[in-house]
Amino acid sequence: MSRLEAEPAAPVRSMAELLAIAFAMEKESAERYAELAERMRGSGQARLVEVFERLVKEETGHIENVVRWSRQSSGNDPDLRQLQWTPKGVFDDENAAVVSPELMDAYHSFAMAVRNEERAFAFWSYVAANAPSTEVRSAAEQMAREELEHARILRIERRRAFFSRRDGRAALTSSRDFATMEEQVAIRLEAYAAFRGERDKAVLSDLAAEARDLAQLLTASPLGTNNSISDRSLESLDALCELLAESYLNAGDCLPSQAGRDRAQVLATTAIKRLAALRYLEEQPI
């Protein structure tokens, strides 16, 4: 069960305030998922567009339920002016707004959504525990139950996505090692340099030379006993560099020897600096 970063700032003292909080939380979730859907659309990730649009639809349904409840309770729509404080740390996109879209998949997207619902459950449980009235406590408990139901539904989608991903990976017949990946990075950096100005070209050429040197070192002395990376078809240089940095970080946690872990962490630092430099250049005019 995912935990909140911080407990609610203060007790919720009225139904109007509770429904305003619920409306604000669901609205934020819908808007953030919509932004992710647009980002995936812009990157040509049709399957992830479908996933995030599904999540937008779910959250929109939750908003409609809150509005309906508010109208039944007071005759009015939720009033955000009733907010005494703003919930913090309930929704978390887990860096989906900045990570390379090619590194995301449906399983991780639904898993993120499940964790968001679990945090919402924890949030409403805190509200219920500190409610000053029976009415607010009962309403918060109902909200918590609904969040659990939302999480249950999304777990089903997550499970389907997991088996779909597993079946897809089972069809792979090869893997790439770190040396091969570094060589691919070098080749793509050199190709990218051809489209940039002289200053950027010099930086990219240096990065390419560094990657080629690392490829040679890793060929001569592989990183530990398990130095393969799952074969994923990545079209963008950014995604390739990010996957390599992530893989070095994983090796830094998982390799059996301390020497191997230390070496992987040094390589991860190099890869992260390379990724940062690449993203900086991508933001600059040619």
C-alpha atoms as a PDB file:
ATOM      1  CA  MET A   1       0.000   0.000   0.000  1.00  0.00           C
ATOM      2  CA  SER A   2       1.443   3.364  -1.033  1.00  0.00           C
ATOM      3  CA  ARG A   3       1.915   5.907   1.738  1.00  0.00           C
ATOM      4  CA  LEU A   4       1.297   9.621   1.883  1.00  0.00           C
ATOM      5  CA  GLU A   5       4.294  11.921   2.044  1.00  0.00           C
ATOM      6  CA  ALA A   6       2.458  13.989   4.657  1.00  0.00           C
ATOM      7  CA  GLU A   7      -0.774  13.737   6.607  1.00  0.00           C
ATOM      8  CA  PRO A   8      -3.647  16.139   5.831  1.00  0.00           C
ATOM      9  CA  ALA A   9      -2.767  19.614   7.079  1.00  0.00           C
ATOM     10  CA  ALA A  10      -5.831  20.011   9.310  1.00  0.00           C
ATOM     11  CA  PRO A  11      -9.132  18.305  10.149  1.00  0.00           C
ATOM     12  CA  VAL A  12     -11.885  18.659   7.557  1.00  0.00           C
ATOM     13  CA  ARG A  13     -14.687  20.442   9.385  1.00  0.00           C
ATOM     14  CA  SER A  14     -17.641  20.389   7.000  1.00  0.00           C
ATOM     15  CA  MET A  15     -19.195  18.490   4.128  1.00  0.00           C
ATOM     16  CA  ALA A  16     -18.697  21.520   1.890  1.00  0.00           C
ATOM     17  CA  GLU A  17     -14.970  21.475   2.616  1.00  0.00           C
ATOM     18  CA  LEU A  18     -14.749  17.700   2.172  1.00  0.00           C
ATOM     19  CA  LEU A  19     -16.462  17.790  -1.215  1.00  0.00           C
ATOM     20  CA  ALA A  20     -14.314  20.717  -2.335  1.00  0.00           C
ATOM     21  CA  ILE A  21     -11.200  18.705  -1.445  1.00  0.00           C
ATOM     22  CA  ALA A  22     -12.523  15.636  -3.258  1.00  0.00           C
ATOM     23  CA  PHE A  23     -13.357  17.708  -6.334  1.00  0.00           C
ATOM     24  CA  ALA A  24      -9.911  19.357  -6.343  1.00  0.00           C
ATOM     25  CA  MET A  25      -8.114  16.010  -6.012  1.00  0.00           C
ATOM     26  CA  GLU A  26     -10.059  14.310  -8.793  1.00  0.00           C
ATOM     27  CA  LYS A  27      -9.720  17.368 -11.022  1.00  0.00           C
ATOM     28  CA  GLU A  28      -5.949  17.429 -10.564  1.00  0.00           C
ATOM     29  CA  SER A  29      -5.717  13.735 -11.413  1.00  0.00           C
ATOM     30  CA  ALA A  30      -7.812  14.134 -14.560  1.00  0.00           C
ATOM     31  CA  GLU A  31      -5.783  17.129 -15.723  1.00  0.00           C
ATOM     32  CA  ARG A  32      -2.426  15.466 -15.061  1.00  0.00           C
ATOM     33  CA  TYR A  33      -3.439  12.286 -16.887  1.00  0.00           C
ATOM     34  CA  ALA A  34      -4.712  14.413 -19.785  1.00  0.00           C
ATOM     35  CA  GLU A  35      -1.335  16.157 -19.961  1.00  0.00           C
ATOM     36  CA  LEU A  36       0.408  12.782 -20.057  1.00  0.00           C
ATOM     37  CA  ALA A  37      -1.945  11.602 -22.811  1.00  0.00           C
ATOM     38  CA  GLU A  38      -1.026  14.652 -24.880  1.00  0.00           C
ATOM     39  CA  ARG A  39       2.672  14.070 -24.265  1.00  0.00           C
ATOM     40  CA  MET A  40       2.361  10.471 -25.405  1.00  0.00           C
ATOM     41  CA  ARG A  41       0.365  11.574 -28.456  1.00  0.00           C
ATOM     42  CA  GLY A  42       3.094  14.005 -29.390  1.00  0.00           C
ATOM     43  CA  SER A  43       5.633  11.185 -29.127  1.00  0.00           C
ATOM     44  CA  GLY A  44       3.609   8.767 -31.227  1.00  0.00           C
ATOM     45  CA  GLN A  45       2.947   6.356 -28.336  1.00  0.00           C
ATOM     46  CA  ALA A  46      -0.575   5.317 -29.340  1.00  0.00           C
ATOM     47  CA  ARG A  47      -0.927   2.552 -26.732  1.00  0.00           C
ATOM     48  CA  LEU A  48      -0.023   4.935 -23.913  1.00  0.00           C
ATOM     49  CA  VAL A  49      -2.384   7.585 -25.267  1.00  0.00           C
ATOM     50  CA  GLU A  50      -5.112   4.966 -24.910  1.00  0.00           C
ATOM     51  CA  VAL A  51      -4.021   4.144 -21.346  1.00  0.00           C
ATOM     52  CA  PHE A  52      -3.953   7.738 -20.148  1.00  0.00           C
ATOM     53  CA  GLU A  53      -7.200   8.621 -21.892  1.00  0.00           C
ATOM     54  CA  ARG A  54      -8.742   5.662 -20.075  1.00  0.00           C
ATOM     55  CA  LEU A  55      -7.447   7.116 -16.808  1.00  0.00           C
ATOM     56  CA  VAL A  56      -8.841  10.541 -17.713  1.00  0.00           C
ATOM     57  CA  LYS A  57     -12.217   8.913 -18.299  1.00  0.00           C
ATOM     58  CA  GLU A  58     -12.027   7.187 -14.910  1.00  0.00           C
ATOM     59  CA  GLU A  59     -11.170  10.417 -13.114  1.00  0.00           C
ATOM     60  CA  THR A  60     -13.865  12.332 -14.989  1.00  0.00           C
ATOM     61  CA  GLY A  61     -16.364   9.782 -13.735  1.00  0.00           C
ATOM     62  CA  HIS A  62     -15.104  10.346 -10.195  1.00  0.00           C
ATOM     63  CA  ILE A  63     -15.555  14.108 -10.636  1.00  0.00           C
ATOM     64  CA  GLU A  64     -19.128  13.583 -11.778  1.00  0.00           C
ATOM     65  CA  ASN A  65     -19.802  11.444  -8.704  1.00  0.00           C
ATOM     66  CA  VAL A  66     -18.464  14.169  -6.404  1.00  0.00           C
ATOM     67  CA  VAL A  67     -20.569  16.815  -8.155  1.00  0.00           C
ATOM     68  CA  ARG A  68     -23.655  14.616  -7.864  1.00  0.00           C
ATOM     69  CA  TRP A  69     -22.993  14.053  -4.168  1.00  0.00           C
ATOM     70  CA  SER A  70     -22.524  17.780  -3.577  1.00  0.00           C
ATOM     71  CA  ARG A  71     -25.794  18.614  -5.305  1.00  0.00           C
ATOM     72  CA  GLN A  72     -27.614  16.012  -3.246  1.00  0.00           C
ATOM     73  CA  SER A  73     -26.004  17.310  -0.054  1.00  0.00           C
ATOM     74  CA  SER A  74     -26.359  21.064  -0.498  1.00  0.00           C
ATOM     75  CA  GLY A  75     -28.030  21.698  -3.833  1.00  0.00           C
ATOM     76  CA  ASN A  76     -24.807  23.233  -5.172  1.00  0.00           C
ATOM     77  CA  ASP A  77     -21.709  22.157  -7.056  1.00  0.00           C
ATOM     78  CA  PRO A  78     -18.483  21.777  -5.053  1.00  0.00           C
ATOM     79  CA  ASP A  79     -17.093  25.198  -4.139  1.00  0.00           C
ATOM     80  CA  LEU A  80     -13.301  25.429  -4.208  1.00  0.00           C
ATOM     81  CA  ARG A  81     -13.537  28.548  -2.051  1.00  0.00           C
ATOM     82  CA  GLN A  82     -14.279  26.147   0.798  1.00  0.00           C
ATOM     83  CA  LEU A  83     -10.724  24.816   0.644  1.00  0.00           C
ATOM     84  CA  GLN A  84      -8.809  25.705   3.793  1.00  0.00           C
ATOM     85  CA  TRP A  85      -5.659  23.956   2.543  1.00  0.00           C
ATOM     86  CA  THR A  86      -4.557  22.018  -0.522  1.00  0.00           C
ATOM     87  CA  PRO A  87      -3.823  18.273  -0.326  1.00  0.00           C
ATOM     88  CA  LYS A  88      -0.143  17.559  -0.953  1.00  0.00           C
ATOM     89  CA  GLY A  89       1.561  14.465  -2.298  1.00  0.00           C
ATOM     90  CA  VAL A  90      -1.562  12.461  -3.143  1.00  0.00           C
ATOM     91  CA  PHE A  91      -1.117  12.443  -6.919  1.00  0.00           C
ATOM     92  CA  ASP A  92       2.345  11.544  -8.199  1.00  0.00           C
ATOM     93  CA  ASP A  93       3.129  11.026 -11.879  1.00  0.00           C
ATOM     94  CA  GLU A  94       6.403   9.327 -10.865  1.00  0.00           C
ATOM     95  CA  ASN A  95       8.365  11.361 -13.422  1.00  0.00           C
ATOM     96  CA  ALA A  96       6.152  10.270 -16.314  1.00  0.00           C
ATOM     97  CA  ALA A  97       6.065  13.905 -17.410  1.00  0.00           C
ATOM     98  CA  VAL A  98       9.834  13.968 -17.970  1.00  0.00           C
ATOM     99  CA  VAL A  99      10.954  10.384 -18.628  1.00  0.00           C
ATOM    100  CA  SER A 100      11.415   9.399 -22.269  1.00  0.00           C
ATOM    101  CA  PRO A 101       8.022   8.148 -23.533  1.00  0.00           C
ATOM    102  CA  GLU A 102       9.697   5.168 -25.198  1.00  0.00           C
ATOM    103  CA  LEU A 103      10.725   3.881 -21.768  1.00  0.00           C
ATOM    104  CA  MET A 104       7.153   3.832 -20.495  1.00  0.00           C
ATOM    105  CA  ASP A 105       4.614   1.077 -20.959  1.00  0.00           C
ATOM    106  CA  ALA A 106       1.014   0.288 -20.048  1.00  0.00           C
ATOM    107  CA  TYR A 107       1.976  -1.811 -17.029  1.00  0.00           C
ATOM    108  CA  HIS A 108       3.958   0.962 -15.345  1.00  0.00           C
ATOM    109  CA  SER A 109       1.274   3.510 -16.216  1.00  0.00           C
ATOM    110  CA  PHE A 110      -1.492   1.478 -14.581  1.00  0.00           C
ATOM    111  CA  ALA A 111       0.806   0.684 -11.646  1.00  0.00           C
ATOM    112  CA  MET A 112       1.312   4.419 -11.126  1.00  0.00           C
ATOM    113  CA  ALA A 113      -2.460   4.927 -11.195  1.00  0.00           C
ATOM    114  CA  VAL A 114      -2.959   2.153  -8.620  1.00  0.00           C
ATOM    115  CA  ARG A 115      -0.479   3.817  -6.273  1.00  0.00           C
ATOM    116  CA  ASN A 116      -2.271   7.142  -6.689  1.00  0.00           C
ATOM    117  CA  GLU A 117      -5.560   5.523  -5.684  1.00  0.00           C
ATOM    118  CA  GLU A 118      -3.860   3.877  -2.704  1.00  0.00           C
ATOM    119  CA  ARG A 119      -2.538   7.241  -1.551  1.00  0.00           C
ATOM    120  CA  ALA A 120      -6.015   8.707  -1.963  1.00  0.00           C
ATOM    121  CA  PHE A 121      -7.357   5.884   0.218  1.00  0.00           C
ATOM    122  CA  ALA A 122      -4.739   6.697   2.864  1.00  0.00           C
ATOM    123  CA  PHE A 123      -5.625  10.389   2.633  1.00  0.00           C
ATOM    124  CA  TRP A 124      -9.333   9.827   3.238  1.00  0.00           C
ATOM    125  CA  SER A 125      -8.568   7.370   6.019  1.00  0.00           C
ATOM    126  CA  TYR A 126      -6.636  10.122   7.809  1.00  0.00           C
ATOM    127  CA  VAL A 127      -9.503  12.549   7.220  1.00  0.00           C
ATOM    128  CA  ALA A 128     -11.985  10.064   8.676  1.00  0.00           C
ATOM    129  CA  ALA A 129      -9.809   9.373  11.714  1.00  0.00           C
ATOM    130  CA  ASN A 130      -9.610  13.081  12.546  1.00  0.00           C
ATOM    131  CA  ALA A 131     -13.113  14.134  11.549  1.00  0.00           C
ATOM    132  CA  PRO A 132     -14.859  16.380  14.104  1.00  0.00           C
ATOM    133  CA  SER A 133     -18.346  15.121  13.228  1.00  0.00           C
ATOM    134  CA  THR A 134     -20.088  11.873  12.413  1.00  0.00           C
ATOM    135  CA  GLU A 135     -21.256  13.250   9.060  1.00  0.00           C
ATOM    136  CA  VAL A 136     -17.750  14.157   7.893  1.00  0.00           C
ATOM    137  CA  ARG A 137     -16.292  10.905   9.220  1.00  0.00           C
ATOM    138  CA  SER A 138     -18.897   8.802   7.411  1.00  0.00           C
ATOM    139  CA  ALA A 139     -18.371  10.717   4.177  1.00  0.00           C
ATOM    140  CA  ALA A 140     -14.582  10.362   4.398  1.00  0.00           C
ATOM    141  CA  GLU A 141     -14.939   6.638   5.058  1.00  0.00           C
ATOM    142  CA  GLN A 142     -17.120   6.339   1.967  1.00  0.00           C
ATOM    143  CA  MET A 143     -14.499   8.229  -0.048  1.00  0.00           C
ATOM    144  CA  ALA A 144     -11.852   5.826   1.228  1.00  0.00           C
ATOM    145  CA  ARG A 145     -13.946   2.810   0.234  1.00  0.00           C
ATOM    146  CA  GLU A 146     -14.448   4.252  -3.240  1.00  0.00           C
ATOM    147  CA  GLU A 147     -10.707   4.806  -3.663  1.00  0.00           C
ATOM    148  CA  LEU A 148     -10.108   1.167  -2.745  1.00  0.00           C
ATOM    149  CA  GLU A 149     -12.623   0.117  -5.376  1.00  0.00           C
ATOM    150  CA  HIS A 150     -10.911   2.341  -7.945  1.00  0.00           C
ATOM    151  CA  ALA A 151      -7.582   0.729  -7.047  1.00  0.00           C
ATOM    152  CA  ARG A 152      -9.100  -2.744  -7.400  1.00  0.00           C
ATOM    153  CA  ILE A 153     -10.339  -1.978 -10.920  1.00  0.00           C
ATOM    154  CA  LEU A 154      -6.978  -0.538 -11.937  1.00  0.00           C
ATOM    155  CA  ARG A 155      -5.146  -3.555 -10.522  1.00  0.00           C
ATOM    156  CA  ILE A 156      -7.086  -5.700 -12.981  1.00  0.00           C
ATOM    157  CA  GLU A 157      -5.866  -3.477 -15.822  1.00  0.00           C
ATOM    158  CA  ARG A 158      -2.351  -3.561 -14.408  1.00  0.00           C
ATOM    159  CA  ARG A 159      -2.438  -7.364 -14.303  1.00  0.00           C
ATOM    160  CA  ARG A 160      -3.597  -7.551 -17.915  1.00  0.00           C
ATOM    161  CA  ALA A 161      -0.841  -5.169 -18.958  1.00  0.00           C
ATOM    162  CA  PHE A 162       1.714  -7.227 -17.033  1.00  0.00           C
ATOM    163  CA  PHE A 163       0.845 -10.455 -18.821  1.00  0.00           C
ATOM    164  CA  SER A 164       0.758  -8.661 -22.150  1.00  0.00           C
ATOM    165  CA  ARG A 165       4.218  -7.236 -21.481  1.00  0.00           C
ATOM    166  CA  ARG A 166       5.544 -10.599 -20.291  1.00  0.00           C
ATOM    167  CA  ASP A 167       4.283 -12.334 -23.418  1.00  0.00           C
ATOM    168  CA  GLY A 168       5.917  -9.673 -25.545  1.00  0.00           C
ATOM    169  CA  ARG A 169       9.220 -10.022 -23.769  1.00  0.00           C
ATOM    170  CA  ALA A 170       9.116 -13.798 -24.049  1.00  0.00           C
ATOM    171  CA  ALA A 171       9.207 -13.354 -27.811  1.00  0.00           C
ATOM    172  CA  LEU A 172      12.560 -11.571 -27.637  1.00  0.00           C
ATOM    173  CA  THR A 173      15.463 -13.761 -28.633  1.00  0.00           C
ATOM    174  CA  SER A 174      18.442 -11.509 -27.977  1.00  0.00           C
ATOM    175  CA  SER A 175      19.863  -9.100 -25.471  1.00  0.00           C
ATOM    176  CA  ARG A 176      22.321  -6.267 -25.728  1.00  0.00           C
ATOM    177  CA  ASP A 177      25.249  -5.733 -23.408  1.00  0.00           C
ATOM    178  CA  PHE A 178      26.575  -2.442 -22.116  1.00  0.00           C
ATOM    179  CA  ALA A 179      29.398  -2.338 -24.647  1.00  0.00           C
ATOM    180  CA  THR A 180      26.992  -2.703 -27.562  1.00  0.00           C
ATOM    181  CA  MET A 181      24.722  -0.031 -26.125  1.00  0.00           C
ATOM    182  CA  GLU A 182      27.604   2.400 -25.681  1.00  0.00           C
ATOM    183  CA  GLU A 183      28.640   1.793 -29.286  1.00  0.00           C
ATOM    184  CA  GLN A 184      25.084   2.517 -30.434  1.00  0.00           C
ATOM    185  CA  VAL A 185      25.083   5.724 -28.397  1.00  0.00           C
ATOM    186  CA  ALA A 186      28.355   6.770 -30.031  1.00  0.00           C
ATOM    187  CA  ILE A 187      26.983   6.149 -33.521  1.00  0.00           C
ATOM    188  CA  ARG A 188      23.799   8.108 -32.837  1.00  0.00           C
ATOM    189  CA  LEU A 189      25.659  10.985 -31.197  1.00  0.00           C
ATOM    190  CA  GLU A 190      27.856  11.300 -34.279  1.00  0.00           C
ATOM    191  CA  ALA A 191      24.794  11.278 -36.525  1.00  0.00           C
ATOM    192  CA  TYR A 192      23.077  13.885 -34.349  1.00  0.00           C
ATOM    193  CA  ALA A 193      26.174  16.102 -34.414  1.00  0.00           C
ATOM    194  CA  ALA A 194      25.863  16.413 -38.188  1.00  0.00           C
ATOM    195  CA  PHE A 195      22.637  18.391 -37.741  1.00  0.00           C
ATOM    196  CA  ARG A 196      23.908  20.805 -35.093  1.00  0.00           C
ATOM    197  CA  GLY A 197      25.997  23.953 -35.107  1.00  0.00           C
ATOM    198  CA  GLU A 198      29.760  23.953 -34.638  1.00  0.00           C
ATOM    199  CA  ARG A 199      29.664  24.475 -30.866  1.00  0.00           C
ATOM    200  CA  ASP A 200      27.137  21.686 -30.312  1.00  0.00           C
ATOM    201  CA  LYS A 201      28.959  19.486 -32.794  1.00  0.00           C
ATOM    202  CA  ALA A 202      32.119  19.686 -30.685  1.00  0.00           C
ATOM    203  CA  VAL A 203      30.246  18.707 -27.516  1.00  0.00           C
ATOM    204  CA  LEU A 204      28.457  15.834 -29.234  1.00  0.00           C
ATOM    205  CA  SER A 205      31.678  14.597 -30.817  1.00  0.00           C
ATOM    206  CA  ASP A 206      33.334  14.524 -27.391  1.00  0.00           C
ATOM    207  CA  LEU A 207      30.381  12.598 -25.975  1.00  0.00           C
ATOM    208  CA  ALA A 208      30.540  10.155 -28.878  1.00  0.00           C
ATOM    209  CA  ALA A 209      34.264   9.600 -28.323  1.00  0.00           C
ATOM    210  CA  GLU A 210      33.622   9.011 -24.626  1.00  0.00           C
ATOM    211  CA  ALA A 211      30.898   6.460 -25.432  1.00  0.00           C
ATOM    212  CA  ARG A 212      33.173   4.654 -27.883  1.00  0.00           C
ATOM    213  CA  ASP A 213      35.967   4.505 -25.292  1.00  0.00           C
ATOM    214  CA  LEU A 214      33.519   3.051 -22.774  1.00  0.00           C
ATOM    215  CA  ALA A 215      32.372   0.491 -25.333  1.00  0.00           C
ATOM    216  CA  GLN A 216      35.957  -0.671 -25.802  1.00  0.00           C
ATOM    217  CA  LEU A 217      36.576  -0.844 -22.053  1.00  0.00           C
ATOM    218  CA  LEU A 218      33.370  -2.785 -21.453  1.00  0.00           C
ATOM    219  CA  THR A 219      34.210  -5.182 -24.265  1.00  0.00           C
ATOM    220  CA  ALA A 220      37.624  -5.867 -22.751  1.00  0.00           C
ATOM    221  CA  SER A 221      36.284  -5.981 -19.202  1.00  0.00           C
ATOM    222  CA  PRO A 222      32.516  -6.622 -18.982  1.00  0.00           C
ATOM    223  CA  LEU A 223      30.641  -5.164 -16.048  1.00  0.00           C
ATOM    224  CA  GLY A 224      30.173  -8.116 -13.693  1.00  0.00           C
ATOM    225  CA  THR A 225      28.741 -11.482 -14.630  1.00  0.00           C
ATOM    226  CA  ASN A 226      25.361 -10.217 -15.787  1.00  0.00           C
ATOM    227  CA  ASN A 227      25.841  -7.316 -18.143  1.00  0.00           C
ATOM    228  CA  SER A 228      22.894  -7.709 -20.504  1.00  0.00           C
ATOM    229  CA  ILE A 229      20.103  -5.223 -21.086  1.00  0.00           C
ATOM    230  CA  SER A 230      16.730  -6.354 -22.393  1.00  0.00           C
ATOM    231  CA  ASP A 231      16.397  -5.722 -26.107  1.00  0.00           C
ATOM    232  CA  ARG A 232      14.041  -2.793 -26.580  1.00  0.00           C
ATOM    233  CA  SER A 233      13.525  -1.014 -29.858  1.00  0.00           C
ATOM    234  CA  LEU A 234      14.283   2.613 -29.025  1.00  0.00           C
ATOM    235  CA  GLU A 235      14.111   5.144 -31.797  1.00  0.00           C
ATOM    236  CA  SER A 236      15.320   8.248 -29.965  1.00  0.00           C
ATOM    237  CA  LEU A 237      18.847   8.949 -28.771  1.00  0.00           C
ATOM    238  CA  ASP A 238      17.400  10.442 -25.586  1.00  0.00           C
ATOM    239  CA  ALA A 239      15.593   7.214 -24.689  1.00  0.00           C
ATOM    240  CA  LEU A 240      18.667   5.120 -25.470  1.00  0.00           C
ATOM    241  CA  CYS A 241      20.852   7.258 -23.197  1.00  0.00           C
ATOM    242  CA  GLU A 242      18.252   7.188 -20.434  1.00  0.00           C
ATOM    243  CA  LEU A 243      17.895   3.408 -20.607  1.00  0.00           C
ATOM    244  CA  LEU A 244      21.656   3.016 -20.375  1.00  0.00           C
ATOM    245  CA  ALA A 245      21.874   5.327 -17.353  1.00  0.00           C
ATOM    246  CA  GLU A 246      19.017   3.455 -15.685  1.00  0.00           C
ATOM    247  CA  SER A 247      20.691   0.114 -16.400  1.00  0.00           C
ATOM    248  CA  TYR A 248      23.982   1.249 -14.864  1.00  0.00           C
ATOM    249  CA  LEU A 249      22.090   2.407 -11.770  1.00  0.00           C
ATOM    250  CA  ASN A 250      20.389  -0.979 -11.518  1.00  0.00           C
ATOM    251  CA  ALA A 251      23.743  -2.718 -11.869  1.00  0.00           C
ATOM    252  CA  GLY A 252      25.094  -0.491  -9.108  1.00  0.00           C
ATOM    253  CA  ASP A 253      22.434  -1.934  -6.819  1.00  0.00           C
ATOM    254  CA  CYS A 254      22.417  -5.548  -7.968  1.00  0.00           C
ATOM    255  CA  LEU A 255      25.905  -6.716  -8.936  1.00  0.00           C
ATOM    256  CA  PRO A 256      27.285  -9.279  -6.468  1.00  0.00           C
ATOM    257  CA  SER A 257      30.697  -7.687  -5.888  1.00  0.00           C
ATOM    258  CA  GLN A 258      31.358  -4.324  -4.284  1.00  0.00           C
ATOM    259  CA  ALA A 259      33.952  -3.568  -6.954  1.00  0.00           C
ATOM    260  CA  GLY A 260      31.373  -4.205  -9.664  1.00  0.00           C
ATOM    261  CA  ARG A 261      28.794  -2.023  -7.934  1.00  0.00           C
ATOM    262  CA  ASP A 262      31.313   0.792  -7.500  1.00  0.00           C
ATOM    263  CA  ARG A 263      32.278   0.594 -11.157  1.00  0.00           C
ATOM    264  CA  ALA A 264      28.624   0.617 -12.227  1.00  0.00           C
ATOM    265  CA  GLN A 265      27.975   3.713 -10.135  1.00  0.00           C
ATOM    266  CA  VAL A 266      30.861   5.532 -11.803  1.00  0.00           C
ATOM    267  CA  LEU A 267      29.467   4.553 -15.202  1.00  0.00           C
ATOM    268  CA  ALA A 268      25.997   5.669 -14.102  1.00  0.00           C
ATOM    269  CA  THR A 269      27.372   9.090 -13.164  1.00  0.00           C
ATOM    270  CA  THR A 270      28.960   9.407 -16.603  1.00  0.00           C
ATOM    271  CA  ALA A 271      25.740   8.321 -18.313  1.00  0.00           C
ATOM    272  CA  ILE A 272      23.603  10.742 -16.283  1.00  0.00           C
ATOM    273  CA  LYS A 273      25.923  13.650 -17.109  1.00  0.00           C
ATOM    274  CA  ARG A 274      25.756  12.665 -20.776  1.00  0.00           C
ATOM    275  CA  LEU A 275      21.964  12.575 -20.668  1.00  0.00           C
ATOM    276  CA  ALA A 276      21.848  15.985 -18.987  1.00  0.00           C
ATOM    277  CA  ALA A 277      24.175  17.456 -21.620  1.00  0.00           C
ATOM    278  CA  LEU A 278      22.117  15.948 -24.424  1.00  0.00           C
ATOM    279  CA  ARG A 279      18.850  17.304 -23.050  1.00  0.00           C
ATOM    280  CA  TYR A 280      20.390  20.733 -22.599  1.00  0.00           C
ATOM    281  CA  LEU A 281      21.491  20.768 -26.237  1.00  0.00           C
ATOM    282  CA  GLU A 282      18.069  19.583 -27.391  1.00  0.00           C
ATOM    283  CA  GLU A 283      16.533  22.669 -25.789  1.00  0.00           C
ATOM    284  CA  GLN A 284      18.894  25.024 -27.610  1.00  0.00           C
ATOM    285  CA  PRO A 285      18.309  26.386 -31.129  1.00  0.00           C
ATOM    286  CA  ILE A 286      20.335  24.752 -33.884  1.00  0.00           C
END
